Amino acid sequence: MAHVFEVSWLSKRCLRFYKMDILNYESNSYQELLFACEIASRTYCSLKQKGFVRHFVKDLMFRDISKTIFLQSYLSDFAERSRRQIEMSIAVAGPSLDLILIPFISLEMMNSLIWQ
């Protein structure tokens, strides 16, 4: 809503809420990470604001949470992922796109074995 009406103070407050409350995990469980990831992903795709994605990725690194482990879980059902989720995976992987290609190649190899 802040983006639609161009209310900068509300946009800043939403980002602050995201950083202070959403990224303040009680445990580093996959469900908590997934929730924060989905919020960042949706704000980026619908509002084209990269701030949430940047903070999510920075928080993963700050907490020493492996991008590899997160993306393996996040992409475990690669065929079911939406374009928005694939784009978020690319943002999380950064220059290490092999983190995304490995699950995809594994899925393709499994499919080729099944259909032979």
PDB file of N, CA and C in Angstrom:
ATOM      1  N   MET A   1       0.821  -1.173   0.000  1.00  0.00           N
ATOM      2  CA  MET A   1       0.000   0.000   0.000  1.00  0.00           C
ATOM      3  C   MET A   1       0.878   1.255   0.000  1.00  0.00           C
ATOM      4  N   ALA A   2       1.964   1.205   0.749  1.00  0.00           N
ATOM      5  CA  ALA A   2       2.863   2.360   0.800  1.00  0.00           C
ATOM      6  C   ALA A   2       3.449   2.648  -0.573  1.00  0.00           C
ATOM      7  N   HIS A   3       3.724   1.601  -1.321  1.00  0.00           N
ATOM      8  CA  HIS A   3       4.306   1.771  -2.649  1.00  0.00           C
ATOM      9  C   HIS A   3       3.281   2.368  -3.615  1.00  0.00           C
ATOM     10  N   VAL A   4       2.049   1.903  -3.542  1.00  0.00           N
ATOM     11  CA  VAL A   4       0.990   2.365  -4.445  1.00  0.00           C
ATOM     12  C   VAL A   4       0.744   3.860  -4.265  1.00  0.00           C
ATOM     13  N   PHE A   5       0.687   4.308  -3.035  1.00  0.00           N
ATOM     14  CA  PHE A   5       0.405   5.707  -2.762  1.00  0.00           C
ATOM     15  C   PHE A   5       1.663   6.547  -2.591  1.00  0.00           C
ATOM     16  N   GLU A   6       2.824   5.924  -2.815  1.00  0.00           N
ATOM     17  CA  GLU A   6       4.114   6.598  -2.733  1.00  0.00           C
ATOM     18  C   GLU A   6       4.309   7.325  -1.398  1.00  0.00           C
ATOM     19  N   VAL A   7       4.056   6.596  -0.336  1.00  0.00           N
ATOM     20  CA  VAL A   7       4.234   7.127   1.001  1.00  0.00           C
ATOM     21  C   VAL A   7       5.559   6.561   1.518  1.00  0.00           C
ATOM     22  N   SER A   8       6.602   7.354   1.411  1.00  0.00           N
ATOM     23  CA  SER A   8       7.941   6.852   1.722  1.00  0.00           C
ATOM     24  C   SER A   8       8.089   6.446   3.180  1.00  0.00           C
ATOM     25  N   TRP A   9       7.481   7.169   4.100  1.00  0.00           N
ATOM     26  CA  TRP A   9       7.619   6.826   5.511  1.00  0.00           C
ATOM     27  C   TRP A   9       7.008   5.464   5.803  1.00  0.00           C
ATOM     28  N   LEU A  10       5.912   5.120   5.108  1.00  0.00           N
ATOM     29  CA  LEU A  10       5.285   3.825   5.328  1.00  0.00           C
ATOM     30  C   LEU A  10       6.136   2.699   4.726  1.00  0.00           C
ATOM     31  N   SER A  11       6.732   2.957   3.574  1.00  0.00           N
ATOM     32  CA  SER A  11       7.642   1.979   2.970  1.00  0.00           C
ATOM     33  C   SER A  11       8.820   1.703   3.893  1.00  0.00           C
ATOM     34  N   LYS A  12       9.388   2.759   4.456  1.00  0.00           N
ATOM     35  CA  LYS A  12      10.513   2.597   5.374  1.00  0.00           C
ATOM     36  C   LYS A  12      10.104   1.841   6.627  1.00  0.00           C
ATOM     37  N   ARG A  13       8.906   2.117   7.109  1.00  0.00           N
ATOM     38  CA  ARG A  13       8.428   1.442   8.309  1.00  0.00           C
ATOM     39  C   ARG A  13       8.178  -0.048   8.029  1.00  0.00           C
ATOM     40  N   CYS A  14       7.671  -0.362   6.846  1.00  0.00           N
ATOM     41  CA  CYS A  14       7.461  -1.773   6.469  1.00  0.00           C
ATOM     42  C   CYS A  14       8.795  -2.510   6.408  1.00  0.00           C
ATOM     43  N   LEU A  15       9.800  -1.875   5.818  1.00  0.00           N
ATOM     44  CA  LEU A  15      11.121  -2.494   5.733  1.00  0.00           C
ATOM     45  C   LEU A  15      11.724  -2.652   7.133  1.00  0.00           C
ATOM     46  N   ARG A  16      11.543  -1.670   7.971  1.00  0.00           N
ATOM     47  CA  ARG A  16      12.043  -1.767   9.343  1.00  0.00           C
ATOM     48  C   ARG A  16      11.346  -2.909  10.090  1.00  0.00           C
ATOM     49  N   PHE A  17      10.034  -3.047   9.900  1.00  0.00           N
ATOM     50  CA  PHE A  17       9.287  -4.146  10.523  1.00  0.00           C
ATOM     51  C   PHE A  17       9.835  -5.488  10.037  1.00  0.00           C
ATOM     52  N   TYR A  18      10.099  -5.581   8.743  1.00  0.00           N
ATOM     53  CA  TYR A  18      10.646  -6.813   8.171  1.00  0.00           C
ATOM     54  C   TYR A  18      11.992  -7.147   8.813  1.00  0.00           C
ATOM     55  N   LYS A  19      12.874  -6.156   8.897  1.00  0.00           N
ATOM     56  CA  LYS A  19      14.217  -6.384   9.463  1.00  0.00           C
ATOM     57  C   LYS A  19      14.164  -6.704  10.953  1.00  0.00           C
ATOM     58  N   MET A  20      13.336  -5.988  11.707  1.00  0.00           N
ATOM     59  CA  MET A  20      13.333  -6.142  13.155  1.00  0.00           C
ATOM     60  C   MET A  20      12.479  -7.307  13.651  1.00  0.00           C
ATOM     61  N   ASP A  21      11.371  -7.587  12.974  1.00  0.00           N
ATOM     62  CA  ASP A  21      10.457  -8.619  13.467  1.00  0.00           C
ATOM     63  C   ASP A  21      10.488  -9.909  12.652  1.00  0.00           C
ATOM     64  N   ILE A  22      10.405  -9.796  11.348  1.00  0.00           N
ATOM     65  CA  ILE A  22      10.352 -11.001  10.512  1.00  0.00           C
ATOM     66  C   ILE A  22      11.713 -11.697  10.494  1.00  0.00           C
ATOM     67  N   LEU A  23      12.794 -10.952  10.357  1.00  0.00           N
ATOM     68  CA  LEU A  23      14.129 -11.554  10.311  1.00  0.00           C
ATOM     69  C   LEU A  23      14.688 -11.861  11.701  1.00  0.00           C
ATOM     70  N   ASN A  24      13.910 -11.646  12.711  1.00  0.00           N
ATOM     71  CA  ASN A  24      14.331 -11.943  14.078  1.00  0.00           C
ATOM     72  C   ASN A  24      13.818 -13.338  14.449  1.00  0.00           C
ATOM     73  N   TYR A  25      14.422 -14.357  13.852  1.00  0.00           N
ATOM     74  CA  TYR A  25      13.979 -15.734  14.044  1.00  0.00           C
ATOM     75  C   TYR A  25      14.225 -16.196  15.470  1.00  0.00           C
ATOM     76  N   GLU A  26      13.298 -16.989  15.981  1.00  0.00           N
ATOM     77  CA  GLU A  26      13.531 -17.612  17.290  1.00  0.00           C
ATOM     78  C   GLU A  26      14.525 -18.755  17.140  1.00  0.00           C
ATOM     79  N   SER A  27      14.345 -19.509  16.090  1.00  0.00           N
ATOM     80  CA  SER A  27      15.305 -20.558  15.748  1.00  0.00           C
ATOM     81  C   SER A  27      15.551 -20.399  14.249  1.00  0.00           C
ATOM     82  N   ASN A  28      16.606 -20.955  13.766  1.00  0.00           N
ATOM     83  CA  ASN A  28      16.883 -20.850  12.338  1.00  0.00           C
ATOM     84  C   ASN A  28      16.201 -21.987  11.578  1.00  0.00           C
ATOM     85  N   SER A  29      14.935 -22.214  11.881  1.00  0.00           N
ATOM     86  CA  SER A  29      14.229 -23.308  11.228  1.00  0.00           C
ATOM     87  C   SER A  29      13.934 -22.953   9.771  1.00  0.00           C
ATOM     88  N   TYR A  30      13.788 -23.977   8.969  1.00  0.00           N
ATOM     89  CA  TYR A  30      13.497 -23.770   7.556  1.00  0.00           C
ATOM     90  C   TYR A  30      12.179 -23.024   7.378  1.00  0.00           C
ATOM     91  N   GLN A  31      11.182 -23.313   8.207  1.00  0.00           N
ATOM     92  CA  GLN A  31       9.881 -22.651   8.089  1.00  0.00           C
ATOM     93  C   GLN A  31       9.988 -21.140   8.318  1.00  0.00           C
ATOM     94  N   GLU A  32      10.787 -20.736   9.288  1.00  0.00           N
ATOM     95  CA  GLU A  32      10.982 -19.305   9.533  1.00  0.00           C
ATOM     96  C   GLU A  32      11.714 -18.643   8.369  1.00  0.00           C
ATOM     97  N   LEU A  33      12.728 -19.330   7.854  1.00  0.00           N
ATOM     98  CA  LEU A  33      13.458 -18.799   6.699  1.00  0.00           C
ATOM     99  C   LEU A  33      12.552 -18.711   5.481  1.00  0.00           C
ATOM    100  N   LEU A  34      11.732 -19.727   5.285  1.00  0.00           N
ATOM    101  CA  LEU A  34      10.822 -19.747   4.144  1.00  0.00           C
ATOM    102  C   LEU A  34       9.826 -18.594   4.223  1.00  0.00           C
ATOM    103  N   PHE A  35       9.295 -18.335   5.409  1.00  0.00           N
ATOM    104  CA  PHE A  35       8.352 -17.228   5.600  1.00  0.00           C
ATOM    105  C   PHE A  35       9.009 -15.897   5.221  1.00  0.00           C
ATOM    106  N   ALA A  36      10.205 -15.659   5.728  1.00  0.00           N
ATOM    107  CA  ALA A  36      10.925 -14.420   5.427  1.00  0.00           C
ATOM    108  C   ALA A  36      11.276 -14.332   3.941  1.00  0.00           C
ATOM    109  N   CYS A  37      11.636 -15.455   3.369  1.00  0.00           N
ATOM    110  CA  CYS A  37      11.980 -15.519   1.945  1.00  0.00           C
ATOM    111  C   CYS A  37      10.768 -15.184   1.074  1.00  0.00           C
ATOM    112  N   GLU A  38       9.625 -15.735   1.417  1.00  0.00           N
ATOM    113  CA  GLU A  38       8.406 -15.492   0.632  1.00  0.00           C
ATOM    114  C   GLU A  38       7.982 -14.028   0.699  1.00  0.00           C
ATOM    115  N   ILE A  39       8.109 -13.408   1.854  1.00  0.00           N
ATOM    116  CA  ILE A  39       7.773 -11.982   1.964  1.00  0.00           C
ATOM    117  C   ILE A  39       8.703 -11.161   1.082  1.00  0.00           C
ATOM    118  N   ALA A  40       9.993 -11.444   1.161  1.00  0.00           N
ATOM    119  CA  ALA A  40      10.969 -10.720   0.339  1.00  0.00           C
ATOM    120  C   ALA A  40      10.693 -10.937  -1.144  1.00  0.00           C
ATOM    121  N   SER A  41      10.393 -12.154  -1.498  1.00  0.00           N
ATOM    122  CA  SER A  41      10.133 -12.496  -2.890  1.00  0.00           C
ATOM    123  C   SER A  41       8.896 -11.776  -3.428  1.00  0.00           C
ATOM    124  N   ARG A  42       7.848 -11.774  -2.645  1.00  0.00           N
ATOM    125  CA  ARG A  42       6.601 -11.131  -3.090  1.00  0.00           C
ATOM    126  C   ARG A  42       6.748  -9.610  -3.202  1.00  0.00           C
ATOM    127  N   THR A  43       7.480  -8.992  -2.287  1.00  0.00           N
ATOM    128  CA  THR A  43       7.657  -7.546  -2.390  1.00  0.00           C
ATOM    129  C   THR A  43       8.519  -7.191  -3.591  1.00  0.00           C
ATOM    130  N   TYR A  44       9.505  -8.038  -3.887  1.00  0.00           N
ATOM    131  CA  TYR A  44      10.341  -7.756  -5.048  1.00  0.00           C
ATOM    132  C   TYR A  44       9.547  -7.902  -6.342  1.00  0.00           C
ATOM    133  N   CYS A  45       8.803  -8.983  -6.472  1.00  0.00           N
ATOM    134  CA  CYS A  45       8.084  -9.232  -7.735  1.00  0.00           C
ATOM    135  C   CYS A  45       6.900  -8.298  -7.944  1.00  0.00           C
ATOM    136  N   SER A  46       6.193  -7.965  -6.888  1.00  0.00           N
ATOM    137  CA  SER A  46       5.022  -7.119  -7.080  1.00  0.00           C
ATOM    138  C   SER A  46       5.342  -5.627  -7.005  1.00  0.00           C
ATOM    139  N   LEU A  47       6.314  -5.243  -6.202  1.00  0.00           N
ATOM    140  CA  LEU A  47       6.617  -3.827  -6.025  1.00  0.00           C
ATOM    141  C   LEU A  47       7.960  -3.409  -6.615  1.00  0.00           C
ATOM    142  N   LYS A  48       8.749  -4.387  -7.060  1.00  0.00           N
ATOM    143  CA  LYS A  48      10.082  -4.134  -7.625  1.00  0.00           C
ATOM    144  C   LYS A  48      10.994  -3.421  -6.626  1.00  0.00           C
ATOM    145  N   GLN A  49      10.855  -3.774  -5.340  1.00  0.00           N
ATOM    146  CA  GLN A  49      11.717  -3.218  -4.304  1.00  0.00           C
ATOM    147  C   GLN A  49      12.696  -4.295  -3.855  1.00  0.00           C
ATOM    148  N   LYS A  50      13.975  -4.055  -4.067  1.00  0.00           N
ATOM    149  CA  LYS A  50      15.007  -5.050  -3.770  1.00  0.00           C
ATOM    150  C   LYS A  50      15.450  -5.032  -2.311  1.00  0.00           C
ATOM    151  N   GLY A  51      15.013  -4.059  -1.534  1.00  0.00           N
ATOM    152  CA  GLY A  51      15.468  -3.926  -0.160  1.00  0.00           C
ATOM    153  C   GLY A  51      15.190  -5.156   0.688  1.00  0.00           C
ATOM    154  N   PHE A  52      14.018  -5.731   0.549  1.00  0.00           N
ATOM    155  CA  PHE A  52      13.660  -6.906   1.336  1.00  0.00           C
ATOM    156  C   PHE A  52      14.545  -8.097   0.959  1.00  0.00           C
ATOM    157  N   VAL A  53      14.779  -8.272  -0.329  1.00  0.00           N
ATOM    158  CA  VAL A  53      15.628  -9.373  -0.803  1.00  0.00           C
ATOM    159  C   VAL A  53      17.056  -9.177  -0.303  1.00  0.00           C
ATOM    160  N   ARG A  54      17.568  -7.958  -0.425  1.00  0.00           N
ATOM    161  CA  ARG A  54      18.925  -7.662   0.050  1.00  0.00           C
ATOM    162  C   ARG A  54      19.078  -7.988   1.533  1.00  0.00           C
ATOM    163  N   HIS A  55      18.102  -7.599   2.324  1.00  0.00           N
ATOM    164  CA  HIS A  55      18.173  -7.857   3.766  1.00  0.00           C
ATOM    165  C   HIS A  55      18.032  -9.338   4.081  1.00  0.00           C
ATOM    166  N   PHE A  56      17.214 -10.050   3.315  1.00  0.00           N
ATOM    167  CA  PHE A  56      17.088 -11.488   3.534  1.00  0.00           C
ATOM    168  C   PHE A  56      18.413 -12.190   3.276  1.00  0.00           C
ATOM    169  N   VAL A  57      19.044 -11.882   2.150  1.00  0.00           N
ATOM    170  CA  VAL A  57      20.319 -12.506   1.792  1.00  0.00           C
ATOM    171  C   VAL A  57      21.404 -12.114   2.793  1.00  0.00           C
ATOM    172  N   LYS A  58      21.444 -10.843   3.165  1.00  0.00           N
ATOM    173  CA  LYS A  58      22.425 -10.377   4.146  1.00  0.00           C
ATOM    174  C   LYS A  58      22.225 -11.094   5.487  1.00  0.00           C
ATOM    175  N   ASP A  59      20.965 -11.315   5.864  1.00  0.00           N
ATOM    176  CA  ASP A  59      20.676 -11.988   7.129  1.00  0.00           C
ATOM    177  C   ASP A  59      21.119 -13.453   7.087  1.00  0.00           C
ATOM    178  N   LEU A  60      20.943 -14.112   5.943  1.00  0.00           N
ATOM    179  CA  LEU A  60      21.430 -15.492   5.805  1.00  0.00           C
ATOM    180  C   LEU A  60      22.931 -15.549   6.057  1.00  0.00           C
ATOM    181  N   MET A  61      23.643 -14.613   5.455  1.00  0.00           N
ATOM    182  CA  MET A  61      25.098 -14.600   5.596  1.00  0.00           C
ATOM    183  C   MET A  61      25.509 -14.218   7.017  1.00  0.00           C
ATOM    184  N   PHE A  62      24.831 -13.251   7.615  1.00  0.00           N
ATOM    185  CA  PHE A  62      25.155 -12.805   8.965  1.00  0.00           C
ATOM    186  C   PHE A  62      24.963 -13.939   9.977  1.00  0.00           C
ATOM    187  N   ARG A  63      23.912 -14.710   9.802  1.00  0.00           N
ATOM    188  CA  ARG A  63      23.626 -15.815  10.721  1.00  0.00           C
ATOM    189  C   ARG A  63      24.394 -17.085  10.360  1.00  0.00           C
ATOM    190  N   ASP A  64      25.231 -16.985   9.352  1.00  0.00           N
ATOM    191  CA  ASP A  64      26.023 -18.120   8.895  1.00  0.00           C
ATOM    192  C   ASP A  64      25.136 -19.305   8.504  1.00  0.00           C
ATOM    193  N   ILE A  65      24.032 -18.988   7.856  1.00  0.00           N
ATOM    194  CA  ILE A  65      23.132 -20.014   7.330  1.00  0.00           C
ATOM    195  C   ILE A  65      23.570 -20.266   5.894  1.00  0.00           C
ATOM    196  N   SER A  66      23.825 -21.486   5.593  1.00  0.00           N
ATOM    197  CA  SER A  66      24.338 -21.836   4.272  1.00  0.00           C
ATOM    198  C   SER A  66      23.284 -21.607   3.192  1.00  0.00           C
ATOM    199  N   LYS A  67      23.673 -20.844   2.173  1.00  0.00           N
ATOM    200  CA  LYS A  67      22.790 -20.655   1.023  1.00  0.00           C
ATOM    201  C   LYS A  67      22.507 -21.996   0.361  1.00  0.00           C
ATOM    202  N   THR A  68      23.538 -22.838   0.333  1.00  0.00           N
ATOM    203  CA  THR A  68      23.411 -24.148  -0.306  1.00  0.00           C
ATOM    204  C   THR A  68      22.322 -24.975   0.364  1.00  0.00           C
ATOM    205  N   ILE A  69      22.370 -25.048   1.681  1.00  0.00           N
ATOM    206  CA  ILE A  69      21.386 -25.857   2.413  1.00  0.00           C
ATOM    207  C   ILE A  69      19.990 -25.261   2.256  1.00  0.00           C
ATOM    208  N   PHE A  70      19.881 -23.938   2.367  1.00  0.00           N
ATOM    209  CA  PHE A  70      18.571 -23.305   2.199  1.00  0.00           C
ATOM    210  C   PHE A  70      18.018 -23.572   0.805  1.00  0.00           C
ATOM    211  N   LEU A  71      18.843 -23.358  -0.226  1.00  0.00           N
ATOM    212  CA  LEU A  71      18.359 -23.533  -1.599  1.00  0.00           C
ATOM    213  C   LEU A  71      18.055 -24.988  -1.931  1.00  0.00           C
ATOM    214  N   GLN A  72      18.771 -25.924  -1.343  1.00  0.00           N
ATOM    215  CA  GLN A  72      18.451 -27.338  -1.579  1.00  0.00           C
ATOM    216  C   GLN A  72      17.040 -27.645  -1.090  1.00  0.00           C
ATOM    217  N   SER A  73      16.688 -27.112   0.070  1.00  0.00           N
ATOM    218  CA  SER A  73      15.336 -27.313   0.587  1.00  0.00           C
ATOM    219  C   SER A  73      14.324 -26.524  -0.233  1.00  0.00           C
ATOM    220  N   TYR A  74      14.643 -25.280  -0.525  1.00  0.00           N
ATOM    221  CA  TYR A  74      13.736 -24.391  -1.247  1.00  0.00           C
ATOM    222  C   TYR A  74      13.445 -24.909  -2.653  1.00  0.00           C
ATOM    223  N   LEU A  75      14.445 -25.520  -3.278  1.00  0.00           N
ATOM    224  CA  LEU A  75      14.284 -26.000  -4.647  1.00  0.00           C
ATOM    225  C   LEU A  75      14.044 -27.507  -4.718  1.00  0.00           C
ATOM    226  N   SER A  76      13.743 -28.128  -3.590  1.00  0.00           N
ATOM    227  CA  SER A  76      13.568 -29.585  -3.593  1.00  0.00           C
ATOM    228  C   SER A  76      12.435 -30.015  -4.522  1.00  0.00           C
ATOM    229  N   ASP A  77      11.442 -29.184  -4.691  1.00  0.00           N
ATOM    230  CA  ASP A  77      10.373 -29.468  -5.651  1.00  0.00           C
ATOM    231  C   ASP A  77      10.434 -28.430  -6.777  1.00  0.00           C
ATOM    232  N   PHE A  78      11.569 -28.409  -7.432  1.00  0.00           N
ATOM    233  CA  PHE A  78      11.892 -27.412  -8.461  1.00  0.00           C
ATOM    234  C   PHE A  78      10.795 -27.286  -9.514  1.00  0.00           C
ATOM    235  N   ALA A  79      10.236 -28.397  -9.941  1.00  0.00           N
ATOM    236  CA  ALA A  79       9.213 -28.373 -10.991  1.00  0.00           C
ATOM    237  C   ALA A  79       7.949 -27.649 -10.546  1.00  0.00           C
ATOM    238  N   GLU A  80       7.735 -27.557  -9.251  1.00  0.00           N
ATOM    239  CA  GLU A  80       6.537 -26.913  -8.717  1.00  0.00           C
ATOM    240  C   GLU A  80       6.738 -25.422  -8.432  1.00  0.00           C
ATOM    241  N   ARG A  81       7.947 -24.928  -8.553  1.00  0.00           N
ATOM    242  CA  ARG A  81       8.251 -23.541  -8.210  1.00  0.00           C
ATOM    243  C   ARG A  81       7.732 -22.580  -9.276  1.00  0.00           C
ATOM    244  N   SER A  82       7.244 -21.433  -8.819  1.00  0.00           N
ATOM    245  CA  SER A  82       6.768 -20.397  -9.726  1.00  0.00           C
ATOM    246  C   SER A  82       7.948 -19.576 -10.234  1.00  0.00           C
ATOM    247  N   ARG A  83       7.679 -18.754 -11.207  1.00  0.00           N
ATOM    248  CA  ARG A  83       8.728 -17.885 -11.735  1.00  0.00           C
ATOM    249  C   ARG A  83       9.257 -16.965 -10.633  1.00  0.00           C
ATOM    250  N   ARG A  84       8.372 -16.453  -9.802  1.00  0.00           N
ATOM    251  CA  ARG A  84       8.761 -15.572  -8.694  1.00  0.00           C
ATOM    252  C   ARG A  84       9.732 -16.287  -7.757  1.00  0.00           C
ATOM    253  N   GLN A  85       9.455 -17.542  -7.465  1.00  0.00           N
ATOM    254  CA  GLN A  85      10.311 -18.299  -6.559  1.00  0.00           C
ATOM    255  C   GLN A  85      11.653 -18.634  -7.201  1.00  0.00           C
ATOM    256  N   ILE A  86      11.651 -18.885  -8.489  1.00  0.00           N
ATOM    257  CA  ILE A  86      12.912 -19.133  -9.207  1.00  0.00           C
ATOM    258  C   ILE A  86      13.757 -17.857  -9.198  1.00  0.00           C
ATOM    259  N   GLU A  87      13.117 -16.705  -9.440  1.00  0.00           N
ATOM    260  CA  GLU A  87      13.847 -15.443  -9.413  1.00  0.00           C
ATOM    261  C   GLU A  87      14.417 -15.166  -8.023  1.00  0.00           C
ATOM    262  N   MET A  88      13.682 -15.521  -6.994  1.00  0.00           N
ATOM    263  CA  MET A  88      14.184 -15.346  -5.630  1.00  0.00           C
ATOM    264  C   MET A  88      15.381 -16.268  -5.390  1.00  0.00           C
ATOM    265  N   SER A  89      15.322 -17.472  -5.912  1.00  0.00           N
ATOM    266  CA  SER A  89      16.441 -18.408  -5.783  1.00  0.00           C
ATOM    267  C   SER A  89      17.690 -17.843  -6.435  1.00  0.00           C
ATOM    268  N   ILE A  90      17.522 -17.214  -7.577  1.00  0.00           N
ATOM    269  CA  ILE A  90      18.655 -16.598  -8.281  1.00  0.00           C
ATOM    270  C   ILE A  90      19.220 -15.455  -7.440  1.00  0.00           C
ATOM    271  N   ALA A  91      18.339 -14.666  -6.824  1.00  0.00           N
ATOM    272  CA  ALA A  91      18.799 -13.564  -5.972  1.00  0.00           C
ATOM    273  C   ALA A  91      19.565 -14.089  -4.764  1.00  0.00           C
ATOM    274  N   VAL A  92      19.088 -15.172  -4.159  1.00  0.00           N
ATOM    275  CA  VAL A  92      19.772 -15.750  -2.997  1.00  0.00           C
ATOM    276  C   VAL A  92      21.117 -16.333  -3.417  1.00  0.00           C
ATOM    277  N   ALA A  93      21.155 -17.024  -4.539  1.00  0.00           N
ATOM    278  CA  ALA A  93      22.392 -17.660  -5.000  1.00  0.00           C
ATOM    279  C   ALA A  93      23.445 -16.626  -5.378  1.00  0.00           C
ATOM    280  N   GLY A  94      23.012 -15.474  -5.864  1.00  0.00           N
ATOM    281  CA  GLY A  94      23.960 -14.448  -6.299  1.00  0.00           C
ATOM    282  C   GLY A  94      24.804 -14.965  -7.441  1.00  0.00           C
ATOM    283  N   PRO A  95      26.113 -14.740  -7.402  1.00  0.00           N
ATOM    284  CA  PRO A  95      26.959 -15.188  -8.506  1.00  0.00           C
ATOM    285  C   PRO A  95      27.167 -16.708  -8.532  1.00  0.00           C
ATOM    286  N   SER A  96      26.749 -17.406  -7.488  1.00  0.00           N
ATOM    287  CA  SER A  96      26.943 -18.866  -7.417  1.00  0.00           C
ATOM    288  C   SER A  96      25.726 -19.593  -7.983  1.00  0.00           C
ATOM    289  N   LEU A  97      25.476 -19.415  -9.267  1.00  0.00           N
ATOM    290  CA  LEU A  97      24.280 -20.007  -9.882  1.00  0.00           C
ATOM    291  C   LEU A  97      24.313 -21.529  -9.912  1.00  0.00           C
ATOM    292  N   ASP A  98      25.476 -22.116  -9.682  1.00  0.00           N
ATOM    293  CA  ASP A  98      25.550 -23.572  -9.625  1.00  0.00           C
ATOM    294  C   ASP A  98      24.680 -24.110  -8.488  1.00  0.00           C
ATOM    295  N   LEU A  99      24.402 -23.288  -7.468  1.00  0.00           N
ATOM    296  CA  LEU A  99      23.530 -23.704  -6.376  1.00  0.00           C
ATOM    297  C   LEU A  99      22.111 -23.982  -6.873  1.00  0.00           C
ATOM    298  N   ILE A 100      21.732 -23.331  -7.954  1.00  0.00           N
ATOM    299  CA  ILE A 100      20.405 -23.539  -8.539  1.00  0.00           C
ATOM    300  C   ILE A 100      20.446 -24.628  -9.588  1.00  0.00           C
ATOM    301  N   LEU A 101      21.519 -24.685 -10.344  1.00  0.00           N
ATOM    302  CA  LEU A 101      21.600 -25.658 -11.425  1.00  0.00           C
ATOM    303  C   LEU A 101      21.705 -27.097 -10.929  1.00  0.00           C
ATOM    304  N   ILE A 102      22.348 -27.318  -9.802  1.00  0.00           N
ATOM    305  CA  ILE A 102      22.524 -28.680  -9.293  1.00  0.00           C
ATOM    306  C   ILE A 102      21.185 -29.366  -9.021  1.00  0.00           C
ATOM    307  N   PRO A 103      20.227 -28.732  -8.302  1.00  0.00           N
ATOM    308  CA  PRO A 103      18.925 -29.400  -8.129  1.00  0.00           C
ATOM    309  C   PRO A 103      18.204 -29.614  -9.453  1.00  0.00           C
ATOM    310  N   PHE A 104      18.330 -28.661 -10.385  1.00  0.00           N
ATOM    311  CA  PHE A 104      17.671 -28.797 -11.677  1.00  0.00           C
ATOM    312  C   PHE A 104      18.258 -29.957 -12.474  1.00  0.00           C
ATOM    313  N   ILE A 105      19.574 -30.060 -12.499  1.00  0.00           N
ATOM    314  CA  ILE A 105      20.234 -31.158 -13.216  1.00  0.00           C
ATOM    315  C   ILE A 105      19.873 -32.490 -12.584  1.00  0.00           C
ATOM    316  N   SER A 106      19.825 -32.536 -11.261  1.00  0.00           N
ATOM    317  CA  SER A 106      19.443 -33.767 -10.563  1.00  0.00           C
ATOM    318  C   SER A 106      18.032 -34.177 -10.931  1.00  0.00           C
ATOM    319  N   LEU A 107      17.114 -33.215 -11.007  1.00  0.00           N
ATOM    320  CA  LEU A 107      15.731 -33.494 -11.387  1.00  0.00           C
ATOM    321  C   LEU A 107      15.662 -34.025 -12.817  1.00  0.00           C
ATOM    322  N   GLU A 108      16.405 -33.401 -13.725  1.00  0.00           N
ATOM    323  CA  GLU A 108      16.415 -33.841 -15.116  1.00  0.00           C
ATOM    324  C   GLU A 108      16.983 -35.256 -15.247  1.00  0.00           C
ATOM    325  N   MET A 109      18.040 -35.544 -14.488  1.00  0.00           N
ATOM    326  CA  MET A 109      18.632 -36.871 -14.535  1.00  0.00           C
ATOM    327  C   MET A 109      17.647 -37.923 -14.004  1.00  0.00           C
ATOM    328  N   MET A 110      16.930 -37.595 -12.945  1.00  0.00           N
ATOM    329  CA  MET A 110      15.946 -38.525 -12.407  1.00  0.00           C
ATOM    330  C   MET A 110      14.828 -38.760 -13.406  1.00  0.00           C
ATOM    331  N   ASN A 111      14.364 -37.695 -14.064  1.00  0.00           N
ATOM    332  CA  ASN A 111      13.305 -37.844 -15.060  1.00  0.00           C
ATOM    333  C   ASN A 111      13.756 -38.692 -16.232  1.00  0.00           C
ATOM    334  N   SER A 112      14.987 -38.512 -16.664  1.00  0.00           N
ATOM    335  CA  SER A 112      15.472 -39.311 -17.807  1.00  0.00           C
ATOM    336  C   SER A 112      15.582 -40.776 -17.439  1.00  0.00           C
ATOM    337  N   LEU A 113      15.943 -41.069 -16.195  1.00  0.00           N
ATOM    338  CA  LEU A 113      16.014 -42.470 -15.751  1.00  0.00           C
ATOM    339  C   LEU A 113      14.627 -43.090 -15.668  1.00  0.00           C
ATOM    340  N   ILE A 114      13.656 -42.312 -15.232  1.00  0.00           N
ATOM    341  CA  ILE A 114      12.296 -42.829 -15.095  1.00  0.00           C
ATOM    342  C   ILE A 114      11.682 -43.123 -16.454  1.00  0.00           C
ATOM    343  N   TRP A 115      11.935 -42.271 -17.433  1.00  0.00           N
ATOM    344  CA  TRP A 115      11.284 -42.401 -18.740  1.00  0.00           C
ATOM    345  C   TRP A 115      12.052 -43.331 -19.688  1.00  0.00           C
ATOM    346  N   GLN A 116      13.127 -43.924 -19.246  1.00  0.00           N
ATOM    347  CA  GLN A 116      13.878 -44.835 -20.149  1.00  0.00           C
ATOM    348  C   GLN A 116      13.275 -46.211 -20.125  1.00  0.00           C
TER     349      GLN A 116
END
